[in-house]
Amino acid sequence: MTSQNPLDDADGSASAEVGYPPLVGSVSRVESPRYRCPVASCHQLWYRHDLEEPIPQCPIHYLPLVRDSKAEGF
């Protein structure tokens, strides 16, 4: 008696491609608030990934960065 492997095709050859079903539930994007230098011509940006992270100063102008994005949750 031969048992058939569930990964084998109908003709008995092994299938080369195995897929996985998608995860159950809603997919949501996590956004980090963006901060920028308050000097309009400055290009310095920083993203806050944790509430414990202190907001740094701009390394060019030595001013505290200001919130620029409308990310939720922080």
PDB file of N, CA and C in Angstrom:
ATOM      1  N   MET A   1       0.848  -1.180   0.000  1.00  0.00           N
ATOM      2  CA  MET A   1       0.000   0.000   0.000  1.00  0.00           C
ATOM      3  C   MET A   1       0.891   1.240   0.000  1.00  0.00           C
ATOM      4  N   THR A   2       0.637   2.140  -0.914  1.00  0.00           N
ATOM      5  CA  THR A   2       1.418   3.373  -0.988  1.00  0.00           C
ATOM      6  C   THR A   2       0.575   4.529  -0.519  1.00  0.00           C
ATOM      7  N   SER A   3       1.167   5.371   0.307  1.00  0.00           N
ATOM      8  CA  SER A   3       0.444   6.572   0.739  1.00  0.00           C
ATOM      9  C   SER A   3       0.898   7.735  -0.133  1.00  0.00           C
ATOM     10  N   GLN A   4      -0.029   8.587  -0.451  1.00  0.00           N
ATOM     11  CA  GLN A   4       0.288   9.702  -1.336  1.00  0.00           C
ATOM     12  C   GLN A   4       0.597  10.938  -0.497  1.00  0.00           C
ATOM     13  N   ASN A   5       1.691  11.569  -0.827  1.00  0.00           N
ATOM     14  CA  ASN A   5       2.084  12.814  -0.167  1.00  0.00           C
ATOM     15  C   ASN A   5       1.150  13.917  -0.637  1.00  0.00           C
ATOM     16  N   PRO A   6       0.573  14.742   0.277  1.00  0.00           N
ATOM     17  CA  PRO A   6      -0.327  15.805  -0.152  1.00  0.00           C
ATOM     18  C   PRO A   6       0.352  16.881  -1.003  1.00  0.00           C
ATOM     19  N   LEU A   7       1.681  16.919  -1.013  1.00  0.00           N
ATOM     20  CA  LEU A   7       2.388  17.896  -1.837  1.00  0.00           C
ATOM     21  C   LEU A   7       2.666  17.380  -3.247  1.00  0.00           C
ATOM     22  N   ASP A   8       2.364  16.111  -3.476  1.00  0.00           N
ATOM     23  CA  ASP A   8       2.559  15.534  -4.807  1.00  0.00           C
ATOM     24  C   ASP A   8       1.403  15.921  -5.724  1.00  0.00           C
ATOM     25  N   ASP A   9       1.712  16.075  -7.008  1.00  0.00           N
ATOM     26  CA  ASP A   9       0.671  16.317  -8.008  1.00  0.00           C
ATOM     27  C   ASP A   9      -0.102  15.027  -8.246  1.00  0.00           C
ATOM     28  N   ALA A  10      -1.148  15.109  -9.026  1.00  0.00           N
ATOM     29  CA  ALA A  10      -1.989  13.952  -9.318  1.00  0.00           C
ATOM     30  C   ALA A  10      -1.200  12.826  -9.973  1.00  0.00           C
ATOM     31  N   ASP A  11      -0.153  13.152 -10.743  1.00  0.00           N
ATOM     32  CA  ASP A  11       0.626  12.112 -11.416  1.00  0.00           C
ATOM     33  C   ASP A  11       1.722  11.530 -10.525  1.00  0.00           C
ATOM     34  N   GLY A  12       1.813  11.991  -9.270  1.00  0.00           N
ATOM     35  CA  GLY A  12       2.796  11.442  -8.344  1.00  0.00           C
ATOM     36  C   GLY A  12       4.087  12.224  -8.253  1.00  0.00           C
ATOM     37  N   SER A  13       4.292  13.217  -9.136  1.00  0.00           N
ATOM     38  CA  SER A  13       5.516  14.017  -9.071  1.00  0.00           C
ATOM     39  C   SER A  13       5.358  15.125  -8.024  1.00  0.00           C
ATOM     40  N   ALA A  14       6.443  15.470  -7.398  1.00  0.00           N
ATOM     41  CA  ALA A  14       6.406  16.506  -6.359  1.00  0.00           C
ATOM     42  C   ALA A  14       6.149  17.869  -6.993  1.00  0.00           C
ATOM     43  N   SER A  15       5.307  18.625  -6.356  1.00  0.00           N
ATOM     44  CA  SER A  15       4.993  19.971  -6.831  1.00  0.00           C
ATOM     45  C   SER A  15       6.131  20.916  -6.462  1.00  0.00           C
ATOM     46  N   ALA A  16       6.556  21.744  -7.388  1.00  0.00           N
ATOM     47  CA  ALA A  16       7.681  22.653  -7.153  1.00  0.00           C
ATOM     48  C   ALA A  16       7.256  23.911  -6.415  1.00  0.00           C
ATOM     49  N   GLU A  17       5.986  24.251  -6.471  1.00  0.00           N
ATOM     50  CA  GLU A  17       5.537  25.514  -5.884  1.00  0.00           C
ATOM     51  C   GLU A  17       4.519  25.244  -4.779  1.00  0.00           C
ATOM     52  N   VAL A  18       4.795  25.763  -3.593  1.00  0.00           N
ATOM     53  CA  VAL A  18       3.887  25.630  -2.464  1.00  0.00           C
ATOM     54  C   VAL A  18       3.516  27.037  -2.026  1.00  0.00           C
ATOM     55  N   GLY A  19       2.235  27.327  -1.928  1.00  0.00           N
ATOM     56  CA  GLY A  19       1.799  28.656  -1.523  1.00  0.00           C
ATOM     57  C   GLY A  19       1.229  28.653  -0.120  1.00  0.00           C
ATOM     58  N   TYR A  20       1.070  29.809   0.434  1.00  0.00           N
ATOM     59  CA  TYR A  20       0.492  29.979   1.754  1.00  0.00           C
ATOM     60  C   TYR A  20      -0.701  30.912   1.647  1.00  0.00           C
ATOM     61  N   PRO A  21      -1.746  30.644   2.405  1.00  0.00           N
ATOM     62  CA  PRO A  21      -2.905  31.549   2.371  1.00  0.00           C
ATOM     63  C   PRO A  21      -2.559  32.876   3.050  1.00  0.00           C
ATOM     64  N   PRO A  22      -3.236  33.950   2.704  1.00  0.00           N
ATOM     65  CA  PRO A  22      -2.961  35.238   3.356  1.00  0.00           C
ATOM     66  C   PRO A  22      -3.377  35.206   4.823  1.00  0.00           C
ATOM     67  N   LEU A  23      -2.803  36.075   5.620  1.00  0.00           N
ATOM     68  CA  LEU A  23      -3.151  36.176   7.032  1.00  0.00           C
ATOM     69  C   LEU A  23      -4.578  36.692   7.176  1.00  0.00           C
ATOM     70  N   VAL A  24      -5.244  36.226   8.222  1.00  0.00           N
ATOM     71  CA  VAL A  24      -6.620  36.626   8.487  1.00  0.00           C
ATOM     72  C   VAL A  24      -6.620  37.976   9.203  1.00  0.00           C
ATOM     73  N   GLY A  25      -7.584  38.818   8.914  1.00  0.00           N
ATOM     74  CA  GLY A  25      -7.719  40.097   9.599  1.00  0.00           C
ATOM     75  C   GLY A  25      -7.426  41.254   8.686  1.00  0.00           C
ATOM     76  N   SER A  26      -7.636  42.416   9.207  1.00  0.00           N
ATOM     77  CA  SER A  26      -7.412  43.616   8.407  1.00  0.00           C
ATOM     78  C   SER A  26      -5.935  43.972   8.388  1.00  0.00           C
ATOM     79  N   VAL A  27      -5.530  44.543   7.309  1.00  0.00           N
ATOM     80  CA  VAL A  27      -4.155  44.991   7.157  1.00  0.00           C
ATOM     81  C   VAL A  27      -4.153  46.495   7.390  1.00  0.00           C
ATOM     82  N   SER A  28      -3.314  46.939   8.305  1.00  0.00           N
ATOM     83  CA  SER A  28      -3.243  48.370   8.569  1.00  0.00           C
ATOM     84  C   SER A  28      -1.791  48.818   8.528  1.00  0.00           C
ATOM     85  N   ARG A  29      -1.604  50.044   8.150  1.00  0.00           N
ATOM     86  CA  ARG A  29      -0.275  50.628   8.058  1.00  0.00           C
ATOM     87  C   ARG A  29       0.041  51.351   9.355  1.00  0.00           C
ATOM     88  N   VAL A  30       1.226  51.198   9.837  1.00  0.00           N
ATOM     89  CA  VAL A  30       1.662  51.901  11.038  1.00  0.00           C
ATOM     90  C   VAL A  30       2.519  53.068  10.585  1.00  0.00           C
ATOM     91  N   GLU A  31       2.130  54.252  10.994  1.00  0.00           N
ATOM     92  CA  GLU A  31       2.873  55.441  10.590  1.00  0.00           C
ATOM     93  C   GLU A  31       3.589  56.049  11.784  1.00  0.00           C
ATOM     94  N   SER A  32       4.770  56.539  11.543  1.00  0.00           N
ATOM     95  CA  SER A  32       5.543  57.237  12.565  1.00  0.00           C
ATOM     96  C   SER A  32       5.426  58.730  12.311  1.00  0.00           C
ATOM     97  N   PRO A  33       5.204  59.512  13.367  1.00  0.00           N
ATOM     98  CA  PRO A  33       5.145  60.967  13.170  1.00  0.00           C
ATOM     99  C   PRO A  33       6.467  61.490  12.612  1.00  0.00           C
ATOM    100  N   ARG A  34       6.359  62.423  11.688  1.00  0.00           N
ATOM    101  CA  ARG A  34       7.547  63.015  11.057  1.00  0.00           C
ATOM    102  C   ARG A  34       7.799  64.381  11.692  1.00  0.00           C
ATOM    103  N   TYR A  35       9.035  64.657  11.953  1.00  0.00           N
ATOM    104  CA  TYR A  35       9.459  65.948  12.503  1.00  0.00           C
ATOM    105  C   TYR A  35      10.443  66.570  11.529  1.00  0.00           C
ATOM    106  N   ARG A  36      10.490  67.892  11.505  1.00  0.00           N
ATOM    107  CA  ARG A  36      11.382  68.616  10.594  1.00  0.00           C
ATOM    108  C   ARG A  36      11.969  69.815  11.325  1.00  0.00           C
ATOM    109  N   CYS A  37      13.011  70.354  10.737  1.00  0.00           N
ATOM    110  CA  CYS A  37      13.616  71.572  11.266  1.00  0.00           C
ATOM    111  C   CYS A  37      12.660  72.734  10.996  1.00  0.00           C
ATOM    112  N   PRO A  38      12.497  73.656  11.950  1.00  0.00           N
ATOM    113  CA  PRO A  38      11.595  74.790  11.726  1.00  0.00           C
ATOM    114  C   PRO A  38      12.120  75.818  10.715  1.00  0.00           C
ATOM    115  N   VAL A  39      13.382  75.731  10.312  1.00  0.00           N
ATOM    116  CA  VAL A  39      13.931  76.640   9.301  1.00  0.00           C
ATOM    117  C   VAL A  39      13.438  76.144   7.936  1.00  0.00           C
ATOM    118  N   ALA A  40      12.713  76.980   7.220  1.00  0.00           N
ATOM    119  CA  ALA A  40      12.034  76.580   5.984  1.00  0.00           C
ATOM    120  C   ALA A  40      12.978  75.996   4.933  1.00  0.00           C
ATOM    121  N   SER A  41      14.181  76.494   4.831  1.00  0.00           N
ATOM    122  CA  SER A  41      15.105  76.021   3.799  1.00  0.00           C
ATOM    123  C   SER A  41      15.891  74.768   4.216  1.00  0.00           C
ATOM    124  N   CYS A  42      15.683  74.299   5.440  1.00  0.00           N
ATOM    125  CA  CYS A  42      16.426  73.138   5.940  1.00  0.00           C
ATOM    126  C   CYS A  42      15.726  71.843   5.517  1.00  0.00           C
ATOM    127  N   HIS A  43      16.495  70.822   5.243  1.00  0.00           N
ATOM    128  CA  HIS A  43      15.966  69.543   4.769  1.00  0.00           C
ATOM    129  C   HIS A  43      16.024  68.434   5.822  1.00  0.00           C
ATOM    130  N   GLN A  44      16.337  68.764   7.051  1.00  0.00           N
ATOM    131  CA  GLN A  44      16.484  67.743   8.082  1.00  0.00           C
ATOM    132  C   GLN A  44      15.127  67.197   8.518  1.00  0.00           C
ATOM    133  N   LEU A  45      14.961  65.856   8.421  1.00  0.00           N
ATOM    134  CA  LEU A  45      13.743  65.173   8.844  1.00  0.00           C
ATOM    135  C   LEU A  45      14.104  64.085   9.843  1.00  0.00           C
ATOM    136  N   TRP A  46      13.139  63.736  10.691  1.00  0.00           N
ATOM    137  CA  TRP A  46      13.333  62.667  11.659  1.00  0.00           C
ATOM    138  C   TRP A  46      11.980  62.036  11.923  1.00  0.00           C
ATOM    139  N   TYR A  47      11.932  60.716  12.077  1.00  0.00           N
ATOM    140  CA  TYR A  47      10.693  59.992  12.335  1.00  0.00           C
ATOM    141  C   TYR A  47      10.736  59.395  13.737  1.00  0.00           C
ATOM    142  N   ARG A  48       9.705  59.644  14.513  1.00  0.00           N
ATOM    143  CA  ARG A  48       9.626  59.130  15.878  1.00  0.00           C
ATOM    144  C   ARG A  48       8.983  57.751  15.849  1.00  0.00           C
ATOM    145  N   HIS A  49       9.712  56.729  16.288  1.00  0.00           N
ATOM    146  CA  HIS A  49       9.228  55.357  16.258  1.00  0.00           C
ATOM    147  C   HIS A  49       8.715  54.878  17.604  1.00  0.00           C
ATOM    148  N   ASP A  50       8.982  55.625  18.660  1.00  0.00           N
ATOM    149  CA  ASP A  50       8.586  55.212  20.004  1.00  0.00           C
ATOM    150  C   ASP A  50       8.341  56.463  20.842  1.00  0.00           C
ATOM    151  N   LEU A  51       7.327  56.403  21.713  1.00  0.00           N
ATOM    152  CA  LEU A  51       7.033  57.558  22.571  1.00  0.00           C
ATOM    153  C   LEU A  51       8.165  57.871  23.539  1.00  0.00           C
ATOM    154  N   GLU A  52       8.991  56.887  23.820  1.00  0.00           N
ATOM    155  CA  GLU A  52      10.107  57.090  24.742  1.00  0.00           C
ATOM    156  C   GLU A  52      11.256  57.868  24.116  1.00  0.00           C
ATOM    157  N   GLU A  53      11.281  57.968  22.795  1.00  0.00           N
ATOM    158  CA  GLU A  53      12.363  58.686  22.109  1.00  0.00           C
ATOM    159  C   GLU A  53      12.211  60.188  22.307  1.00  0.00           C
ATOM    160  N   PRO A  54      13.223  60.857  22.810  1.00  0.00           N
ATOM    161  CA  PRO A  54      13.145  62.315  22.906  1.00  0.00           C
ATOM    162  C   PRO A  54      13.269  62.943  21.518  1.00  0.00           C
ATOM    163  N   ILE A  55      12.591  64.055  21.319  1.00  0.00           N
ATOM    164  CA  ILE A  55      12.647  64.743  20.028  1.00  0.00           C
ATOM    165  C   ILE A  55      13.982  65.493  19.957  1.00  0.00           C
ATOM    166  N   PRO A  56      14.795  65.191  18.941  1.00  0.00           N
ATOM    167  CA  PRO A  56      16.128  65.798  18.871  1.00  0.00           C
ATOM    168  C   PRO A  56      16.110  67.214  18.301  1.00  0.00           C
ATOM    169  N   GLN A  57      17.289  67.794  18.294  1.00  0.00           N
ATOM    170  CA  GLN A  57      17.498  69.110  17.675  1.00  0.00           C
ATOM    171  C   GLN A  57      18.006  68.908  16.251  1.00  0.00           C
ATOM    172  N   CYS A  58      17.810  69.912  15.427  1.00  0.00           N
ATOM    173  CA  CYS A  58      18.372  69.904  14.088  1.00  0.00           C
ATOM    174  C   CYS A  58      19.900  69.955  14.234  1.00  0.00           C
ATOM    175  N   PRO A  59      20.617  69.035  13.572  1.00  0.00           N
ATOM    176  CA  PRO A  59      22.074  69.041  13.696  1.00  0.00           C
ATOM    177  C   PRO A  59      22.746  70.221  13.000  1.00  0.00           C
ATOM    178  N   ILE A  60      21.998  70.970  12.199  1.00  0.00           N
ATOM    179  CA  ILE A  60      22.560  72.117  11.483  1.00  0.00           C
ATOM    180  C   ILE A  60      22.269  73.422  12.225  1.00  0.00           C
ATOM    181  N   HIS A  61      21.002  73.607  12.668  1.00  0.00           N
ATOM    182  CA  HIS A  61      20.579  74.870  13.273  1.00  0.00           C
ATOM    183  C   HIS A  61      20.437  74.814  14.788  1.00  0.00           C
ATOM    184  N   TYR A  62      20.565  73.628  15.373  1.00  0.00           N
ATOM    185  CA  TYR A  62      20.467  73.436  16.823  1.00  0.00           C
ATOM    186  C   TYR A  62      19.147  73.928  17.396  1.00  0.00           C
ATOM    187  N   LEU A  63      18.071  73.765  16.619  1.00  0.00           N
ATOM    188  CA  LEU A  63      16.720  74.095  17.066  1.00  0.00           C
ATOM    189  C   LEU A  63      15.948  72.792  17.249  1.00  0.00           C
ATOM    190  N   PRO A  64      15.003  72.743  18.205  1.00  0.00           N
ATOM    191  CA  PRO A  64      14.199  71.520  18.355  1.00  0.00           C
ATOM    192  C   PRO A  64      13.371  71.274  17.089  1.00  0.00           C
ATOM    193  N   LEU A  65      13.312  70.020  16.656  1.00  0.00           N
ATOM    194  CA  LEU A  65      12.499  69.676  15.499  1.00  0.00           C
ATOM    195  C   LEU A  65      11.022  69.823  15.853  1.00  0.00           C
ATOM    196  N   VAL A  66      10.212  70.170  14.861  1.00  0.00           N
ATOM    197  CA  VAL A  66       8.775  70.353  15.074  1.00  0.00           C
ATOM    198  C   VAL A  66       8.023  69.290  14.285  1.00  0.00           C
ATOM    199  N   ARG A  67       6.858  68.917  14.803  1.00  0.00           N
ATOM    200  CA  ARG A  67       6.051  67.880  14.144  1.00  0.00           C
ATOM    201  C   ARG A  67       5.546  68.390  12.803  1.00  0.00           C
ATOM    202  N   ASP A  68       5.687  67.543  11.775  1.00  0.00           N
ATOM    203  CA  ASP A  68       5.319  67.933  10.417  1.00  0.00           C
ATOM    204  C   ASP A  68       4.207  67.076   9.858  1.00  0.00           C
ATOM    205  N   SER A  69       4.016  65.871  10.379  1.00  0.00           N
ATOM    206  CA  SER A  69       3.034  64.946   9.794  1.00  0.00           C
ATOM    207  C   SER A  69       1.785  64.877  10.640  1.00  0.00           C
ATOM    208  N   LYS A  70       0.780  64.267  10.052  1.00  0.00           N
ATOM    209  CA  LYS A  70      -0.489  64.091  10.734  1.00  0.00           C
ATOM    210  C   LYS A  70      -0.712  62.629  11.122  1.00  0.00           C
ATOM    211  N   ALA A  71       0.358  61.923  11.449  1.00  0.00           N
ATOM    212  CA  ALA A  71       0.237  60.511  11.825  1.00  0.00           C
ATOM    213  C   ALA A  71      -0.551  60.378  13.114  1.00  0.00           C
ATOM    214  N   GLU A  72      -1.396  59.360  13.164  1.00  0.00           N
ATOM    215  CA  GLU A  72      -2.238  59.116  14.331  1.00  0.00           C
ATOM    216  C   GLU A  72      -1.492  58.299  15.375  1.00  0.00           C
ATOM    217  N   GLY A  73      -1.959  58.389  16.588  1.00  0.00           N
ATOM    218  CA  GLY A  73      -1.477  57.488  17.627  1.00  0.00           C
ATOM    219  C   GLY A  73      -0.389  58.025  18.524  1.00  0.00           C
ATOM    220  N   PHE A  74       0.242  59.103  18.225  1.00  0.00           N
ATOM    221  CA  PHE A  74       1.293  59.632  19.098  1.00  0.00           C
ATOM    222  C   PHE A  74       0.858  60.947  19.656  1.00  0.00           C
TER     223      PHE A  74
END
